[in-house]
C-alpha cells in the first residue's frame, strides 16, 4: 500500500517534528489499510493556528489540530503541482484526502500526544466526527484501537 504524505513546516523551529509526523501518518494508514491516499500536514506556530481557527473554525483561539477534507469539486491551479512544491496532482493515482494542520508548540504546551493528534486529524479526513455523543464514542473507540497499534513493541 502506497500513500503520498507530505509534511510542511511554516517555521524553521518546527522542522524537527516533520519525520515524527510522517512516520506516524504512515503507520496510521497502514493500520487502517488505506492505500493510494494523499494527505498534507502543515506544522504551524500558535499565531498561525489561531488565525486559521478563527477564519475556518470560527473560534478565536489556538487549537492542536484542524483537518480539512478535500472538496470533491475543487478546482486545482496547475502551479500547485510543480515538482518543487511537492503537492499531489489530482490526476495522479493518489486520492487527495485533505490537509491537516498541527500546532506542535501548543500540543507540547498542553502535554498532549502527537500520536493522538495525528490519528484524530486523519480520522476526520476519513469521515469520523464528534458532533454528538454517538459520533464521539465511535471516533474515540477507533482512536484507542489505532493508538494501541502504534504503541506495540514492533514500532518502538
N, C-alpha and C. Protein backbone atom coordinates (compact mmCIF):
# COMPACT_ATOMS: atom_id res chain seq x y z
N UNK A 1 0.84 -1.19 0.00
CA UNK A 1 0.00 0.00 0.00
C UNK A 1 0.88 1.24 0.00
N UNK A 2 0.69 2.04 -0.99
CA UNK A 2 1.49 3.25 -1.11
C UNK A 2 0.60 4.47 -0.86
N UNK A 3 1.12 5.40 -0.11
CA UNK A 3 0.43 6.66 0.14
C UNK A 3 1.38 7.80 -0.12
N UNK A 4 0.84 8.95 -0.33
CA UNK A 4 1.66 10.15 -0.53
C UNK A 4 1.37 11.08 0.63
N UNK A 5 2.32 11.17 1.55
CA UNK A 5 2.17 12.01 2.73
C UNK A 5 3.26 13.06 2.70
N UNK A 6 2.86 14.30 2.78
CA UNK A 6 3.82 15.41 2.78
C UNK A 6 3.65 16.19 4.07
N UNK A 7 4.77 16.63 4.61
CA UNK A 7 4.75 17.44 5.83
C UNK A 7 5.51 18.72 5.56
N UNK A 8 4.87 19.84 5.80
CA UNK A 8 5.46 21.16 5.57
C UNK A 8 5.49 21.93 6.88
N UNK A 9 6.60 22.58 7.16
CA UNK A 9 6.72 23.42 8.36
C UNK A 9 6.68 24.88 7.96
N UNK A 10 5.92 25.65 8.71
CA UNK A 10 5.82 27.08 8.42
C UNK A 10 6.98 27.86 9.03
N UNK A 11 7.64 27.25 9.99
CA UNK A 11 8.77 27.89 10.67
C UNK A 11 9.91 26.87 10.79
N UNK A 12 11.12 27.38 10.73
CA UNK A 12 12.31 26.52 10.82
C UNK A 12 12.30 25.69 12.10
N UNK A 13 11.88 26.29 13.20
CA UNK A 13 11.89 25.59 14.50
C UNK A 13 10.94 24.39 14.54
N UNK A 14 10.00 24.31 13.61
CA UNK A 14 9.04 23.21 13.59
C UNK A 14 9.49 22.03 12.75
N UNK A 15 10.56 22.22 11.98
CA UNK A 15 11.06 21.15 11.10
C UNK A 15 11.43 19.89 11.87
N UNK A 16 11.82 20.05 13.13
CA UNK A 16 12.24 18.89 13.93
C UNK A 16 11.11 17.87 14.14
N UNK A 17 9.86 18.27 13.89
CA UNK A 17 8.72 17.37 14.06
C UNK A 17 8.33 16.64 12.77
N UNK A 18 8.89 17.04 11.66
CA UNK A 18 8.44 16.52 10.36
C UNK A 18 8.55 15.00 10.24
N UNK A 19 9.70 14.44 10.58
CA UNK A 19 9.89 12.98 10.46
C UNK A 19 8.92 12.21 11.34
N UNK A 20 8.74 12.69 12.56
CA UNK A 20 7.84 12.03 13.50
C UNK A 20 6.41 12.01 12.95
N UNK A 21 5.95 13.13 12.44
CA UNK A 21 4.59 13.22 11.90
C UNK A 21 4.45 12.30 10.68
N UNK A 22 5.43 12.32 9.81
CA UNK A 22 5.40 11.47 8.61
C UNK A 22 5.33 9.99 8.99
N UNK A 23 6.18 9.57 9.92
CA UNK A 23 6.20 8.17 10.34
C UNK A 23 4.87 7.76 10.99
N UNK A 24 4.34 8.63 11.83
CA UNK A 24 3.05 8.33 12.47
C UNK A 24 1.94 8.18 11.43
N UNK A 25 1.88 9.11 10.51
CA UNK A 25 0.83 9.06 9.48
C UNK A 25 0.94 7.78 8.65
N UNK A 26 2.16 7.40 8.29
CA UNK A 26 2.34 6.17 7.51
C UNK A 26 1.82 4.96 8.28
N UNK A 27 2.12 4.90 9.57
CA UNK A 27 1.67 3.76 10.37
C UNK A 27 0.16 3.75 10.56
N UNK A 28 -0.44 4.93 10.69
CA UNK A 28 -1.90 5.01 10.84
C UNK A 28 -2.58 4.50 9.57
N UNK A 29 -2.12 4.95 8.41
CA UNK A 29 -2.72 4.49 7.15
C UNK A 29 -2.49 2.99 6.95
N UNK A 30 -1.33 2.49 7.38
CA UNK A 30 -1.06 1.05 7.31
C UNK A 30 -2.09 0.29 8.14
N UNK A 31 -2.30 0.73 9.38
CA UNK A 31 -3.26 0.08 10.27
C UNK A 31 -4.66 0.10 9.67
N UNK A 32 -5.02 1.22 9.08
CA UNK A 32 -6.37 1.39 8.51
C UNK A 32 -6.51 0.71 7.15
N UNK A 33 -5.39 0.17 6.63
CA UNK A 33 -5.37 -0.47 5.31
C UNK A 33 -5.87 0.48 4.22
N UNK A 34 -5.40 1.70 4.30
CA UNK A 34 -5.76 2.72 3.31
C UNK A 34 -4.56 2.95 2.40
N UNK A 35 -4.78 2.76 1.12
CA UNK A 35 -3.72 2.98 0.15
C UNK A 35 -4.12 4.00 -0.90
N UNK A 36 -3.10 4.49 -1.60
CA UNK A 36 -3.29 5.49 -2.66
C UNK A 36 -3.97 6.75 -2.15
N UNK A 37 -3.65 7.10 -0.92
CA UNK A 37 -4.20 8.31 -0.30
C UNK A 37 -3.10 9.37 -0.26
N UNK A 38 -3.48 10.59 -0.53
CA UNK A 38 -2.56 11.72 -0.40
C UNK A 38 -3.09 12.64 0.68
N UNK A 39 -2.21 13.01 1.59
CA UNK A 39 -2.59 13.94 2.65
C UNK A 39 -1.40 14.84 2.93
N UNK A 40 -1.68 16.06 3.27
CA UNK A 40 -0.63 17.02 3.58
C UNK A 40 -0.81 17.51 5.01
N UNK A 41 0.31 17.55 5.72
CA UNK A 41 0.34 18.09 7.07
C UNK A 41 1.06 19.43 7.02
N UNK A 42 0.53 20.39 7.73
CA UNK A 42 1.16 21.70 7.84
C UNK A 42 1.39 21.96 9.32
N UNK A 43 2.65 22.20 9.68
CA UNK A 43 3.01 22.48 11.06
C UNK A 43 3.09 23.99 11.23
N UNK A 44 2.26 24.52 12.12
CA UNK A 44 2.13 25.96 12.29
C UNK A 44 2.51 26.39 13.69
N UNK A 45 2.88 27.67 13.82
CA UNK A 45 3.08 28.20 15.17
C UNK A 45 1.71 28.63 15.71
N UNK A 46 1.69 29.06 16.97
CA UNK A 46 0.41 29.34 17.63
C UNK A 46 -0.36 30.49 16.97
N UNK A 47 0.33 31.53 16.55
CA UNK A 47 -0.40 32.66 15.95
C UNK A 47 -1.01 32.25 14.60
N UNK A 48 -0.30 31.45 13.83
CA UNK A 48 -0.84 30.98 12.55
C UNK A 48 -2.06 30.07 12.77
N UNK A 49 -1.95 29.18 13.74
CA UNK A 49 -3.06 28.26 14.01
C UNK A 49 -4.29 29.03 14.50
N UNK A 50 -4.05 30.04 15.31
CA UNK A 50 -5.17 30.84 15.80
C UNK A 50 -5.88 31.54 14.63
N UNK A 51 -5.10 32.08 13.70
CA UNK A 51 -5.70 32.74 12.53
C UNK A 51 -6.55 31.77 11.70
N UNK A 52 -6.03 30.59 11.48
CA UNK A 52 -6.78 29.60 10.69
C UNK A 52 -8.03 29.15 11.43
N UNK A 53 -7.90 28.93 12.73
CA UNK A 53 -9.06 28.52 13.53
C UNK A 53 -10.12 29.62 13.55
N UNK A 54 -9.68 30.86 13.62
CA UNK A 54 -10.62 31.99 13.62
C UNK A 54 -11.36 32.07 12.28
N UNK A 55 -10.61 31.89 11.21
CA UNK A 55 -11.21 32.03 9.88
C UNK A 55 -12.10 30.85 9.49
N UNK A 56 -11.64 29.63 9.75
CA UNK A 56 -12.38 28.46 9.28
C UNK A 56 -13.15 27.73 10.38
N UNK A 57 -12.68 27.83 11.62
CA UNK A 57 -13.36 27.16 12.72
C UNK A 57 -14.26 28.09 13.50
N UNK A 58 -14.18 29.38 13.17
CA UNK A 58 -14.98 30.42 13.83
C UNK A 58 -14.73 30.48 15.33
N UNK A 59 -13.51 30.12 15.73
CA UNK A 59 -13.12 30.19 17.15
C UNK A 59 -11.82 30.98 17.23
N UNK A 60 -11.82 32.02 18.02
CA UNK A 60 -10.64 32.89 18.13
C UNK A 60 -9.71 32.38 19.22
N UNK A 61 -9.14 31.20 18.97
CA UNK A 61 -8.19 30.62 19.92
C UNK A 61 -7.31 29.62 19.20
N UNK A 62 -6.20 29.32 19.83
CA UNK A 62 -5.27 28.31 19.30
C UNK A 62 -5.89 26.94 19.53
N UNK A 63 -5.61 26.03 18.64
CA UNK A 63 -6.05 24.65 18.82
C UNK A 63 -4.92 23.72 18.40
N UNK A 64 -5.05 22.45 18.75
CA UNK A 64 -3.98 21.49 18.48
C UNK A 64 -3.99 20.96 17.05
N UNK A 65 -5.18 20.67 16.52
CA UNK A 65 -5.27 20.07 15.18
C UNK A 65 -6.54 20.54 14.47
N UNK A 66 -6.40 20.80 13.19
CA UNK A 66 -7.54 21.11 12.32
C UNK A 66 -7.39 20.27 11.06
N UNK A 67 -8.49 19.70 10.62
CA UNK A 67 -8.50 18.88 9.40
C UNK A 67 -9.47 19.48 8.40
N UNK A 68 -9.06 19.45 7.14
CA UNK A 68 -9.90 19.95 6.06
C UNK A 68 -9.99 18.90 4.98
N UNK A 69 -11.17 18.34 4.82
CA UNK A 69 -11.40 17.32 3.80
C UNK A 69 -11.34 17.97 2.43
N UNK A 70 -10.73 17.28 1.49
CA UNK A 70 -10.62 17.78 0.12
C UNK A 70 -12.00 17.81 -0.53
N UNK A 71 -12.46 18.97 -0.98
CA UNK A 71 -13.77 19.03 -1.65
C UNK A 71 -13.73 18.23 -2.96
N UNK A 72 -14.79 17.52 -3.25
CA UNK A 72 -14.83 16.68 -4.46
C UNK A 72 -14.74 17.50 -5.74
N UNK A 73 -15.27 18.70 -5.73
CA UNK A 73 -15.30 19.52 -6.95
C UNK A 73 -14.27 20.65 -6.93
N UNK A 74 -13.22 20.48 -6.14
CA UNK A 74 -12.20 21.52 -6.02
C UNK A 74 -11.46 21.70 -7.34
N UNK A 75 -11.28 22.94 -7.76
CA UNK A 75 -10.55 23.25 -8.99
C UNK A 75 -9.11 23.58 -8.61
N UNK A 76 -8.17 22.83 -9.15
CA UNK A 76 -6.76 22.96 -8.78
C UNK A 76 -6.00 23.85 -9.75
N UNK A 77 -5.38 24.92 -9.25
CA UNK A 77 -4.49 25.70 -10.11
C UNK A 77 -3.25 24.86 -10.44
N UNK A 78 -2.84 24.78 -11.71
CA UNK A 78 -1.71 23.91 -12.10
C UNK A 78 -0.41 24.22 -11.37
N UNK A 79 -0.17 25.49 -11.01
CA UNK A 79 1.09 25.84 -10.35
C UNK A 79 1.24 25.20 -8.97
N UNK A 80 0.17 24.68 -8.41
CA UNK A 80 0.26 24.00 -7.12
C UNK A 80 1.00 22.68 -7.21
N UNK A 81 1.18 22.16 -8.41
CA UNK A 81 1.69 20.81 -8.54
C UNK A 81 3.05 20.69 -9.20
N UNK A 82 3.84 21.73 -9.11
CA UNK A 82 5.20 21.64 -9.63
C UNK A 82 5.99 20.69 -8.75
N UNK A 83 7.05 20.12 -9.30
CA UNK A 83 7.90 19.22 -8.51
C UNK A 83 8.46 19.93 -7.29
N UNK A 84 8.76 21.22 -7.44
CA UNK A 84 9.34 21.99 -6.35
C UNK A 84 8.38 22.10 -5.16
N UNK A 85 7.10 22.28 -5.44
CA UNK A 85 6.12 22.43 -4.37
C UNK A 85 5.85 21.11 -3.67
N UNK A 86 5.81 20.01 -4.42
CA UNK A 86 5.65 18.70 -3.81
C UNK A 86 4.21 18.28 -3.52
N UNK A 87 3.24 19.02 -4.01
CA UNK A 87 1.84 18.66 -3.77
C UNK A 87 1.39 17.62 -4.79
N UNK A 88 0.35 16.89 -4.45
CA UNK A 88 -0.12 15.80 -5.30
C UNK A 88 -1.13 16.31 -6.32
N UNK A 89 -0.84 16.03 -7.57
CA UNK A 89 -1.75 16.39 -8.65
C UNK A 89 -3.00 15.52 -8.56
N UNK A 90 -4.19 16.12 -8.64
CA UNK A 90 -5.41 15.33 -8.52
C UNK A 90 -5.58 14.30 -9.63
N UNK A 91 -4.86 14.46 -10.72
CA UNK A 91 -4.95 13.50 -11.82
C UNK A 91 -4.08 12.27 -11.56
N UNK A 92 -3.28 12.29 -10.51
CA UNK A 92 -2.42 11.15 -10.20
C UNK A 92 -3.25 10.01 -9.63
N UNK A 93 -2.59 8.88 -9.36
CA UNK A 93 -3.31 7.71 -8.83
C UNK A 93 -3.68 7.86 -7.36
N UNK A 94 -3.19 8.91 -6.72
CA UNK A 94 -3.49 9.13 -5.31
C UNK A 94 -4.78 9.92 -5.15
N UNK A 95 -5.60 9.51 -4.21
CA UNK A 95 -6.81 10.26 -3.90
C UNK A 95 -6.48 11.25 -2.78
N UNK A 96 -6.62 12.53 -3.08
CA UNK A 96 -6.32 13.55 -2.08
C UNK A 96 -7.40 13.54 -1.00
N UNK A 97 -7.00 13.20 0.22
CA UNK A 97 -7.95 13.15 1.34
C UNK A 97 -8.17 14.54 1.93
N UNK A 98 -7.12 15.35 1.94
CA UNK A 98 -7.24 16.68 2.50
C UNK A 98 -5.96 17.13 3.17
N UNK A 99 -6.13 18.11 4.05
CA UNK A 99 -5.00 18.72 4.75
C UNK A 99 -5.24 18.67 6.25
N UNK A 100 -4.14 18.49 6.98
CA UNK A 100 -4.19 18.50 8.44
C UNK A 100 -3.20 19.55 8.93
N UNK A 101 -3.68 20.43 9.79
CA UNK A 101 -2.85 21.48 10.37
C UNK A 101 -2.61 21.14 11.84
N UNK A 102 -1.34 21.09 12.22
CA UNK A 102 -0.96 20.80 13.60
C UNK A 102 -0.19 21.98 14.18
N UNK A 103 -0.35 22.17 15.47
CA UNK A 103 0.38 23.22 16.18
C UNK A 103 1.27 22.56 17.24
N UNK A 104 2.49 22.15 16.85
CA UNK A 104 3.36 21.41 17.77
C UNK A 104 3.62 22.12 19.10
N UNK A 105 3.85 23.44 19.06
CA UNK A 105 4.12 24.15 20.31
C UNK A 105 2.94 24.05 21.28
N UNK A 106 1.74 24.15 20.76
CA UNK A 106 0.53 24.06 21.58
C UNK A 106 0.35 22.63 22.10
N UNK A 107 0.61 21.66 21.25
CA UNK A 107 0.50 20.25 21.65
C UNK A 107 1.46 19.95 22.79
N UNK A 108 2.69 20.44 22.67
CA UNK A 108 3.70 20.23 23.73
C UNK A 108 3.29 20.98 25.00
N UNK A 109 2.87 22.23 24.84
CA UNK A 109 2.48 23.05 26.00
C UNK A 109 1.34 22.40 26.78
N UNK A 110 0.39 21.80 26.07
CA UNK A 110 -0.77 21.16 26.71
C UNK A 110 -0.49 19.71 27.11
N UNK A 111 0.75 19.26 26.89
CA UNK A 111 1.16 17.89 27.23
C UNK A 111 0.26 16.85 26.56
N UNK A 112 -0.05 17.12 25.30
CA UNK A 112 -0.86 16.19 24.53
C UNK A 112 0.06 15.30 23.70
N UNK A 113 -0.51 14.27 23.14
CA UNK A 113 0.30 13.31 22.39
C UNK A 113 0.21 13.58 20.89
N UNK A 114 1.37 13.61 20.25
CA UNK A 114 1.40 13.77 18.79
C UNK A 114 0.68 12.61 18.13
N UNK A 115 0.83 11.41 18.70
CA UNK A 115 0.15 10.24 18.15
C UNK A 115 -1.35 10.49 18.06
N UNK A 116 -1.94 10.92 19.18
CA UNK A 116 -3.38 11.16 19.20
C UNK A 116 -3.79 12.26 18.22
N UNK A 117 -3.01 13.31 18.13
CA UNK A 117 -3.37 14.42 17.25
C UNK A 117 -3.32 14.01 15.77
N UNK A 118 -2.31 13.20 15.40
CA UNK A 118 -2.22 12.72 14.02
C UNK A 118 -3.38 11.77 13.72
N UNK A 119 -3.65 10.84 14.63
CA UNK A 119 -4.76 9.91 14.46
C UNK A 119 -6.07 10.68 14.34
N UNK A 120 -6.28 11.62 15.24
CA UNK A 120 -7.52 12.41 15.26
C UNK A 120 -7.72 13.14 13.93
N UNK A 121 -6.66 13.79 13.45
CA UNK A 121 -6.75 14.51 12.19
C UNK A 121 -7.06 13.60 11.02
N UNK A 122 -6.40 12.46 10.96
CA UNK A 122 -6.63 11.51 9.86
C UNK A 122 -8.06 10.98 9.90
N UNK A 123 -8.54 10.64 11.10
CA UNK A 123 -9.90 10.13 11.19
C UNK A 123 -10.93 11.15 10.71
N UNK A 124 -10.68 12.42 11.00
CA UNK A 124 -11.59 13.46 10.48
C UNK A 124 -11.61 13.43 8.95
N UNK A 125 -10.45 13.28 8.33
CA UNK A 125 -10.39 13.23 6.87
C UNK A 125 -11.15 12.03 6.32
N UNK A 126 -11.23 10.98 7.11
CA UNK A 126 -11.89 9.75 6.67
C UNK A 126 -13.37 9.71 7.06
N UNK A 127 -13.89 10.82 7.56
CA UNK A 127 -15.32 10.91 7.82
C UNK A 127 -15.76 10.77 9.26
N UNK A 128 -14.83 10.57 10.17
CA UNK A 128 -15.19 10.48 11.58
C UNK A 128 -15.40 11.88 12.13
N UNK A 129 -16.28 11.99 13.12
CA UNK A 129 -16.54 13.29 13.73
C UNK A 129 -16.91 13.15 15.18
N UNK A 130 -17.23 14.28 15.80
CA UNK A 130 -17.65 14.27 17.20
C UNK A 130 -18.68 15.36 17.47
N UNK A 131 -19.66 15.45 16.56
CA UNK A 131 -20.72 16.45 16.73
C UNK A 131 -21.76 16.03 17.76
N UNK A 132 -21.86 14.73 18.04
CA UNK A 132 -22.78 14.25 19.06
C UNK A 132 -22.12 13.08 19.80
N UNK A 133 -22.79 12.59 20.84
CA UNK A 133 -22.21 11.52 21.67
C UNK A 133 -21.91 10.25 20.88
N UNK A 134 -22.83 9.88 20.02
CA UNK A 134 -22.65 8.63 19.26
C UNK A 134 -21.43 8.73 18.34
N UNK A 135 -21.31 9.84 17.63
CA UNK A 135 -20.14 10.05 16.75
C UNK A 135 -18.85 10.08 17.57
N UNK A 136 -18.90 10.81 18.69
CA UNK A 136 -17.71 10.94 19.54
C UNK A 136 -17.26 9.56 20.04
N UNK A 137 -18.21 8.76 20.50
CA UNK A 137 -17.88 7.42 21.02
C UNK A 137 -17.26 6.56 19.93
N UNK A 138 -17.83 6.62 18.72
CA UNK A 138 -17.30 5.84 17.59
C UNK A 138 -15.87 6.27 17.27
N UNK A 139 -15.65 7.58 17.24
CA UNK A 139 -14.32 8.10 16.92
C UNK A 139 -13.31 7.73 18.01
N UNK A 140 -13.71 7.86 19.27
CA UNK A 140 -12.81 7.54 20.38
C UNK A 140 -12.43 6.06 20.39
N UNK A 141 -13.39 5.19 20.08
CA UNK A 141 -13.07 3.74 20.01
C UNK A 141 -12.02 3.48 18.92
N UNK A 142 -12.19 4.11 17.78
CA UNK A 142 -11.25 3.93 16.67
C UNK A 142 -9.88 4.49 17.06
N UNK A 143 -9.87 5.66 17.70
CA UNK A 143 -8.59 6.25 18.14
C UNK A 143 -7.87 5.30 19.09
N UNK A 144 -8.60 4.72 20.03
CA UNK A 144 -7.99 3.80 21.00
C UNK A 144 -7.37 2.59 20.31
N UNK A 145 -8.06 2.03 19.33
CA UNK A 145 -7.52 0.87 18.60
C UNK A 145 -6.23 1.24 17.87
N UNK A 146 -6.24 2.39 17.23
CA UNK A 146 -5.06 2.81 16.47
C UNK A 146 -3.91 3.12 17.41
N UNK A 147 -4.18 3.82 18.51
CA UNK A 147 -3.13 4.16 19.47
C UNK A 147 -2.52 2.90 20.08
N UNK A 148 -3.34 1.89 20.33
CA UNK A 148 -2.83 0.62 20.85
C UNK A 148 -1.86 0.01 19.83
N UNK A 149 -2.24 0.02 18.56
CA UNK A 149 -1.38 -0.49 17.50
C UNK A 149 -0.06 0.29 17.45
N UNK A 150 -0.14 1.61 17.56
CA UNK A 150 1.06 2.44 17.46
C UNK A 150 2.04 2.21 18.61
N UNK A 151 1.53 1.76 19.74
CA UNK A 151 2.40 1.56 20.91
C UNK A 151 2.92 0.13 21.03
N UNK A 152 2.53 -0.74 20.10
CA UNK A 152 3.05 -2.11 20.14
C UNK A 152 4.56 -2.09 19.96
N UNK A 153 5.24 -3.07 20.54
CA UNK A 153 6.70 -3.11 20.56
C UNK A 153 7.35 -3.05 19.19
N UNK A 154 6.73 -3.66 18.18
CA UNK A 154 7.39 -3.73 16.88
C UNK A 154 7.62 -2.36 16.26
N UNK A 155 6.98 -1.33 16.78
CA UNK A 155 7.18 0.01 16.24
C UNK A 155 7.93 0.91 17.21
N UNK A 156 8.42 0.36 18.28
CA UNK A 156 9.14 1.19 19.26
C UNK A 156 10.54 1.49 18.80
